[in-house]
Amino acid sequence: MKVIITGDIHNEFSKLNQLISSKRPELVICCGDFGYWPDTHWATPMSNIKPQGAKILWCDGNHENHWELKKREKDEIVPDVIYMPRGSTYTIEDGRVIMFMGGADSIDKHQRIIGET
């Protein structure tokens, strides 16, 4: 199984799409700062992600909209793009288990406005 592990996508889904298109993985694991900012005028909608046959698993980092993330109705945000809550695990086909731990405390949080930036 071809796996790509990345982090800090920061809502730049076109770059993620290019990576998937060029490398053709079966599984993409994003270790935080994926770019979950639904209903935000400046963010790229997650529906723009093109998994192209890959499954994308991501956990939250310190730069997500955590307030909206708590309101989600399901973990599969868009087809084949699955949020993995902190502490959750996923077993890949060869039996290895991946644990998702989430991001650290944000060092720039004092510069942001809650729910906006």
N, C-alpha and C. Protein backbone atom coordinates (compact mmCIF):
# COMPACT_ATOMS: atom_id res chain seq x y z
N MET A 1 0.84 -1.18 0.00
CA MET A 1 0.00 0.00 0.00
C MET A 1 0.89 1.24 0.00
N LYS A 2 0.63 2.13 -0.93
CA LYS A 2 1.40 3.37 -1.00
C LYS A 2 0.74 4.42 -0.10
N VAL A 3 1.52 4.91 0.87
CA VAL A 3 1.03 5.86 1.87
C VAL A 3 1.87 7.12 1.80
N ILE A 4 1.21 8.26 1.86
CA ILE A 4 1.90 9.55 1.99
C ILE A 4 1.50 10.14 3.32
N ILE A 5 2.50 10.58 4.08
CA ILE A 5 2.25 11.24 5.36
C ILE A 5 2.68 12.69 5.21
N THR A 6 1.79 13.59 5.56
CA THR A 6 2.07 15.02 5.43
C THR A 6 1.48 15.76 6.62
N GLY A 7 1.67 17.02 6.62
CA GLY A 7 1.08 17.88 7.64
C GLY A 7 1.03 19.30 7.11
N ASP A 8 0.33 20.14 7.82
CA ASP A 8 0.31 21.57 7.51
C ASP A 8 -0.13 21.89 6.08
N ILE A 9 -1.23 21.30 5.67
CA ILE A 9 -1.82 21.62 4.37
C ILE A 9 -2.35 23.06 4.39
N HIS A 10 -2.84 23.50 5.54
CA HIS A 10 -3.33 24.87 5.74
C HIS A 10 -4.31 25.31 4.65
N ASN A 11 -5.24 24.41 4.28
CA ASN A 11 -6.32 24.73 3.36
C ASN A 11 -5.85 24.94 1.92
N GLU A 12 -4.63 24.56 1.61
CA GLU A 12 -4.12 24.67 0.23
C GLU A 12 -4.39 23.35 -0.48
N PHE A 13 -5.67 23.11 -0.73
CA PHE A 13 -6.09 21.82 -1.26
C PHE A 13 -5.64 21.60 -2.70
N SER A 14 -5.38 22.65 -3.45
CA SER A 14 -4.87 22.46 -4.82
C SER A 14 -3.49 21.80 -4.77
N LYS A 15 -2.68 22.15 -3.80
CA LYS A 15 -1.36 21.52 -3.66
C LYS A 15 -1.50 20.06 -3.24
N LEU A 16 -2.46 19.77 -2.36
CA LEU A 16 -2.73 18.39 -1.98
C LEU A 16 -3.19 17.60 -3.19
N ASN A 17 -4.07 18.18 -4.00
CA ASN A 17 -4.54 17.51 -5.21
C ASN A 17 -3.38 17.21 -6.16
N GLN A 18 -2.45 18.15 -6.30
CA GLN A 18 -1.28 17.94 -7.17
C GLN A 18 -0.41 16.80 -6.64
N LEU A 19 -0.22 16.76 -5.33
CA LEU A 19 0.58 15.69 -4.72
C LEU A 19 -0.06 14.32 -4.98
N ILE A 20 -1.35 14.24 -4.77
CA ILE A 20 -2.06 12.98 -5.00
C ILE A 20 -2.01 12.59 -6.47
N SER A 21 -2.17 13.55 -7.35
CA SER A 21 -2.14 13.29 -8.78
C SER A 21 -0.78 12.78 -9.23
N SER A 22 0.29 13.34 -8.69
CA SER A 22 1.62 12.94 -9.13
C SER A 22 2.12 11.65 -8.47
N LYS A 23 1.75 11.41 -7.22
CA LYS A 23 2.28 10.25 -6.48
C LYS A 23 1.34 9.05 -6.46
N ARG A 24 0.05 9.27 -6.69
CA ARG A 24 -0.96 8.21 -6.74
C ARG A 24 -0.96 7.29 -5.50
N PRO A 25 -1.07 7.86 -4.30
CA PRO A 25 -1.11 7.02 -3.10
C PRO A 25 -2.50 6.39 -2.93
N GLU A 26 -2.55 5.35 -2.12
CA GLU A 26 -3.83 4.76 -1.74
C GLU A 26 -4.34 5.40 -0.45
N LEU A 27 -3.40 5.92 0.35
CA LEU A 27 -3.74 6.52 1.63
C LEU A 27 -2.89 7.76 1.86
N VAL A 28 -3.54 8.84 2.30
CA VAL A 28 -2.85 10.07 2.68
C VAL A 28 -3.20 10.34 4.13
N ILE A 29 -2.17 10.55 4.94
CA ILE A 29 -2.37 10.87 6.35
C ILE A 29 -1.83 12.27 6.59
N CYS A 30 -2.71 13.14 7.07
CA CYS A 30 -2.30 14.52 7.37
C CYS A 30 -2.28 14.69 8.89
N CYS A 31 -1.13 15.04 9.38
CA CYS A 31 -0.88 15.12 10.82
C CYS A 31 -1.10 16.52 11.38
N GLY A 32 -2.23 17.12 11.11
CA GLY A 32 -2.58 18.40 11.70
C GLY A 32 -2.49 19.57 10.75
N ASP A 33 -3.18 20.64 11.12
CA ASP A 33 -3.26 21.88 10.33
C ASP A 33 -3.71 21.58 8.90
N PHE A 34 -4.79 20.82 8.81
CA PHE A 34 -5.33 20.43 7.51
C PHE A 34 -5.99 21.60 6.80
N GLY A 35 -6.74 22.37 7.54
CA GLY A 35 -7.41 23.52 6.92
C GLY A 35 -8.91 23.44 6.99
N TYR A 36 -9.42 22.98 8.12
CA TYR A 36 -10.87 22.86 8.30
C TYR A 36 -11.42 24.22 8.70
N TRP A 37 -11.98 24.91 7.74
CA TRP A 37 -12.58 26.23 7.94
C TRP A 37 -13.88 26.33 7.15
N PRO A 38 -14.90 25.54 7.51
CA PRO A 38 -16.16 25.61 6.77
C PRO A 38 -16.85 26.95 7.01
N ASP A 39 -17.65 27.34 6.06
CA ASP A 39 -18.43 28.57 6.17
C ASP A 39 -17.58 29.81 6.43
N THR A 40 -16.39 29.82 5.87
CA THR A 40 -15.50 30.97 5.98
C THR A 40 -15.27 31.48 4.56
N HIS A 41 -15.48 32.76 4.35
CA HIS A 41 -15.44 33.30 2.99
C HIS A 41 -14.06 33.21 2.34
N TRP A 42 -13.00 33.18 3.12
CA TRP A 42 -11.65 33.17 2.53
C TRP A 42 -11.07 31.77 2.34
N ALA A 43 -11.72 30.77 2.90
CA ALA A 43 -11.16 29.41 2.85
C ALA A 43 -11.66 28.64 1.62
N THR A 44 -10.81 27.77 1.11
CA THR A 44 -11.19 26.87 0.02
C THR A 44 -12.11 25.79 0.59
N PRO A 45 -13.26 25.55 -0.01
CA PRO A 45 -14.15 24.49 0.50
C PRO A 45 -13.49 23.12 0.38
N MET A 46 -13.75 22.27 1.36
CA MET A 46 -13.17 20.92 1.33
C MET A 46 -13.70 20.11 0.16
N SER A 47 -14.82 20.52 -0.41
CA SER A 47 -15.34 19.82 -1.58
C SER A 47 -14.41 19.97 -2.79
N ASN A 48 -13.43 20.87 -2.71
CA ASN A 48 -12.44 21.02 -3.78
C ASN A 48 -11.34 19.97 -3.71
N ILE A 49 -11.30 19.18 -2.65
CA ILE A 49 -10.30 18.12 -2.54
C ILE A 49 -10.68 17.01 -3.51
N LYS A 50 -9.70 16.53 -4.29
CA LYS A 50 -9.91 15.47 -5.26
C LYS A 50 -9.08 14.25 -4.84
N PRO A 51 -9.67 13.32 -4.07
CA PRO A 51 -8.91 12.17 -3.58
C PRO A 51 -8.37 11.24 -4.68
N GLN A 52 -9.00 11.22 -5.83
CA GLN A 52 -8.52 10.43 -6.97
C GLN A 52 -8.24 8.97 -6.61
N GLY A 53 -9.13 8.38 -5.81
CA GLY A 53 -8.98 6.98 -5.43
C GLY A 53 -8.27 6.77 -4.11
N ALA A 54 -7.68 7.80 -3.55
CA ALA A 54 -7.00 7.68 -2.25
C ALA A 54 -8.00 7.93 -1.13
N LYS A 55 -7.69 7.41 0.03
CA LYS A 55 -8.42 7.76 1.24
C LYS A 55 -7.56 8.77 1.97
N ILE A 56 -8.15 9.86 2.43
CA ILE A 56 -7.42 10.91 3.13
C ILE A 56 -7.90 10.94 4.58
N LEU A 57 -6.97 10.70 5.49
CA LEU A 57 -7.26 10.76 6.92
C LEU A 57 -6.52 11.95 7.50
N TRP A 58 -7.20 12.75 8.31
CA TRP A 58 -6.55 13.92 8.88
C TRP A 58 -7.01 14.15 10.31
N CYS A 59 -6.10 14.67 11.11
CA CYS A 59 -6.46 15.08 12.45
C CYS A 59 -6.23 16.58 12.58
N ASP A 60 -6.90 17.13 13.56
CA ASP A 60 -6.81 18.58 13.73
C ASP A 60 -5.47 19.00 14.30
N GLY A 61 -5.04 20.15 13.84
CA GLY A 61 -3.86 20.79 14.39
C GLY A 61 -4.29 22.02 15.18
N ASN A 62 -3.36 22.89 15.45
CA ASN A 62 -3.70 24.09 16.19
C ASN A 62 -4.28 25.19 15.30
N HIS A 63 -4.29 24.98 13.99
CA HIS A 63 -4.85 25.97 13.06
C HIS A 63 -6.04 25.38 12.31
N GLU A 64 -7.07 25.02 13.04
CA GLU A 64 -8.35 24.57 12.48
C GLU A 64 -9.43 25.41 13.14
N ASN A 65 -10.62 25.38 12.60
CA ASN A 65 -11.74 26.01 13.27
C ASN A 65 -12.35 24.97 14.21
N HIS A 66 -11.84 24.92 15.42
CA HIS A 66 -12.24 23.89 16.39
C HIS A 66 -13.70 24.04 16.80
N TRP A 67 -14.22 25.25 16.79
CA TRP A 67 -15.62 25.45 17.15
C TRP A 67 -16.53 24.76 16.14
N GLU A 68 -16.23 24.92 14.87
CA GLU A 68 -17.02 24.27 13.82
C GLU A 68 -16.76 22.77 13.77
N LEU A 69 -15.53 22.38 14.06
CA LEU A 69 -15.18 20.95 14.04
C LEU A 69 -16.01 20.19 15.07
N LYS A 70 -16.26 20.79 16.20
CA LYS A 70 -17.08 20.15 17.24
C LYS A 70 -18.53 19.98 16.80
N LYS A 71 -18.99 20.81 15.86
CA LYS A 71 -20.38 20.76 15.40
C LYS A 71 -20.61 19.75 14.28
N ARG A 72 -19.55 19.15 13.75
CA ARG A 72 -19.70 18.27 12.59
C ARG A 72 -20.67 17.13 12.92
N GLU A 73 -21.35 16.66 11.90
CA GLU A 73 -22.32 15.60 12.08
C GLU A 73 -21.71 14.22 11.85
N LYS A 74 -20.62 14.15 11.11
CA LYS A 74 -19.97 12.87 10.84
C LYS A 74 -18.49 13.12 10.60
N ASP A 75 -17.70 12.07 10.62
CA ASP A 75 -16.26 12.20 10.45
C ASP A 75 -15.84 12.26 8.99
N GLU A 76 -16.63 11.67 8.09
CA GLU A 76 -16.32 11.76 6.66
C GLU A 76 -16.89 13.09 6.17
N ILE A 77 -16.02 14.10 6.14
CA ILE A 77 -16.45 15.47 5.86
C ILE A 77 -16.92 15.61 4.41
N VAL A 78 -16.14 15.09 3.49
CA VAL A 78 -16.52 14.94 2.09
C VAL A 78 -16.09 13.52 1.70
N PRO A 79 -16.57 12.97 0.59
CA PRO A 79 -16.22 11.60 0.25
C PRO A 79 -14.71 11.33 0.26
N ASP A 80 -14.32 10.29 0.99
CA ASP A 80 -12.94 9.82 1.12
C ASP A 80 -12.01 10.79 1.84
N VAL A 81 -12.56 11.78 2.53
CA VAL A 81 -11.78 12.73 3.34
C VAL A 81 -12.34 12.64 4.75
N ILE A 82 -11.59 11.98 5.63
CA ILE A 82 -12.12 11.57 6.92
C ILE A 82 -11.34 12.22 8.07
N TYR A 83 -12.09 12.90 8.93
CA TYR A 83 -11.51 13.48 10.14
C TYR A 83 -11.29 12.37 11.16
N MET A 84 -10.10 12.34 11.73
CA MET A 84 -9.76 11.37 12.76
C MET A 84 -9.59 12.13 14.08
N PRO A 85 -10.58 12.04 14.97
CA PRO A 85 -10.50 12.78 16.23
C PRO A 85 -9.26 12.38 17.05
N ARG A 86 -8.81 13.29 17.87
CA ARG A 86 -7.65 13.03 18.73
C ARG A 86 -7.88 11.78 19.56
N GLY A 87 -6.90 10.91 19.55
CA GLY A 87 -6.98 9.65 20.28
C GLY A 87 -7.55 8.50 19.48
N SER A 88 -8.06 8.76 18.29
CA SER A 88 -8.61 7.68 17.47
C SER A 88 -7.49 6.91 16.77
N THR A 89 -7.80 5.71 16.33
CA THR A 89 -6.83 4.87 15.63
C THR A 89 -7.41 4.38 14.32
N TYR A 90 -6.50 3.99 13.43
CA TYR A 90 -6.89 3.44 12.13
C TYR A 90 -5.91 2.32 11.81
N THR A 91 -6.42 1.18 11.43
CA THR A 91 -5.57 0.04 11.07
C THR A 91 -5.49 -0.06 9.56
N ILE A 92 -4.26 0.00 9.03
CA ILE A 92 -4.09 -0.13 7.58
C ILE A 92 -4.04 -1.61 7.22
N GLU A 93 -4.11 -1.89 5.94
CA GLU A 93 -4.27 -3.26 5.45
C GLU A 93 -3.21 -4.24 5.94
N ASP A 94 -1.98 -3.77 6.18
CA ASP A 94 -0.93 -4.69 6.61
C ASP A 94 -0.92 -4.92 8.12
N GLY A 95 -1.91 -4.36 8.82
CA GLY A 95 -2.05 -4.59 10.25
C GLY A 95 -1.44 -3.51 11.14
N ARG A 96 -0.67 -2.59 10.57
CA ARG A 96 -0.12 -1.50 11.39
C ARG A 96 -1.24 -0.57 11.83
N VAL A 97 -1.12 -0.07 13.06
CA VAL A 97 -2.13 0.80 13.63
C VAL A 97 -1.56 2.22 13.74
N ILE A 98 -2.34 3.17 13.28
CA ILE A 98 -1.96 4.58 13.33
C ILE A 98 -2.81 5.25 14.39
N MET A 99 -2.17 6.03 15.28
CA MET A 99 -2.91 6.79 16.29
C MET A 99 -2.82 8.27 15.94
N PHE A 100 -3.94 8.96 16.03
CA PHE A 100 -4.00 10.38 15.72
C PHE A 100 -4.05 11.17 17.02
N MET A 101 -3.08 12.09 17.17
CA MET A 101 -2.94 12.79 18.44
C MET A 101 -3.28 14.28 18.38
N GLY A 102 -3.29 14.90 17.23
CA GLY A 102 -3.63 16.31 17.13
C GLY A 102 -2.44 17.22 17.35
N GLY A 103 -2.69 18.50 17.20
CA GLY A 103 -1.62 19.49 17.25
C GLY A 103 -1.38 20.06 18.64
N ALA A 104 -0.34 20.84 18.71
CA ALA A 104 0.08 21.46 19.96
C ALA A 104 -0.67 22.77 20.18
N ASP A 105 -0.39 23.39 21.30
CA ASP A 105 -0.95 24.71 21.60
C ASP A 105 -0.38 25.71 20.60
N SER A 106 -1.20 26.62 20.13
CA SER A 106 -0.78 27.57 19.11
C SER A 106 0.03 28.71 19.71
N ILE A 107 1.21 28.95 19.15
CA ILE A 107 2.05 30.02 19.66
C ILE A 107 1.58 31.40 19.22
N ASP A 108 0.68 31.46 18.24
CA ASP A 108 0.20 32.76 17.76
C ASP A 108 -1.25 33.05 18.17
N LYS A 109 -1.77 32.29 19.13
CA LYS A 109 -3.18 32.44 19.49
C LYS A 109 -3.50 33.82 20.05
N HIS A 110 -2.55 34.47 20.65
CA HIS A 110 -2.80 35.81 21.20
C HIS A 110 -3.01 36.86 20.09
N GLN A 111 -2.65 36.52 18.86
CA GLN A 111 -2.81 37.44 17.74
C GLN A 111 -4.12 37.21 16.97
N ARG A 112 -4.89 36.19 17.35
CA ARG A 112 -6.08 35.84 16.59
C ARG A 112 -7.36 36.23 17.32
N ILE A 113 -8.43 36.35 16.56
CA ILE A 113 -9.75 36.65 17.09
C ILE A 113 -10.56 35.35 17.06
N ILE A 114 -11.08 34.94 18.19
CA ILE A 114 -11.80 33.67 18.30
C ILE A 114 -12.92 33.59 17.26
N GLY A 115 -12.92 32.49 16.50
CA GLY A 115 -13.95 32.24 15.51
C GLY A 115 -13.78 32.99 14.20
N GLU A 116 -12.73 33.82 14.08
CA GLU A 116 -12.56 34.59 12.86
C GLU A 116 -11.22 34.37 12.18
N THR A 117 -10.15 34.33 12.96
CA THR A 117 -8.81 34.24 12.34
C THR A 117 -8.06 33.02 12.84
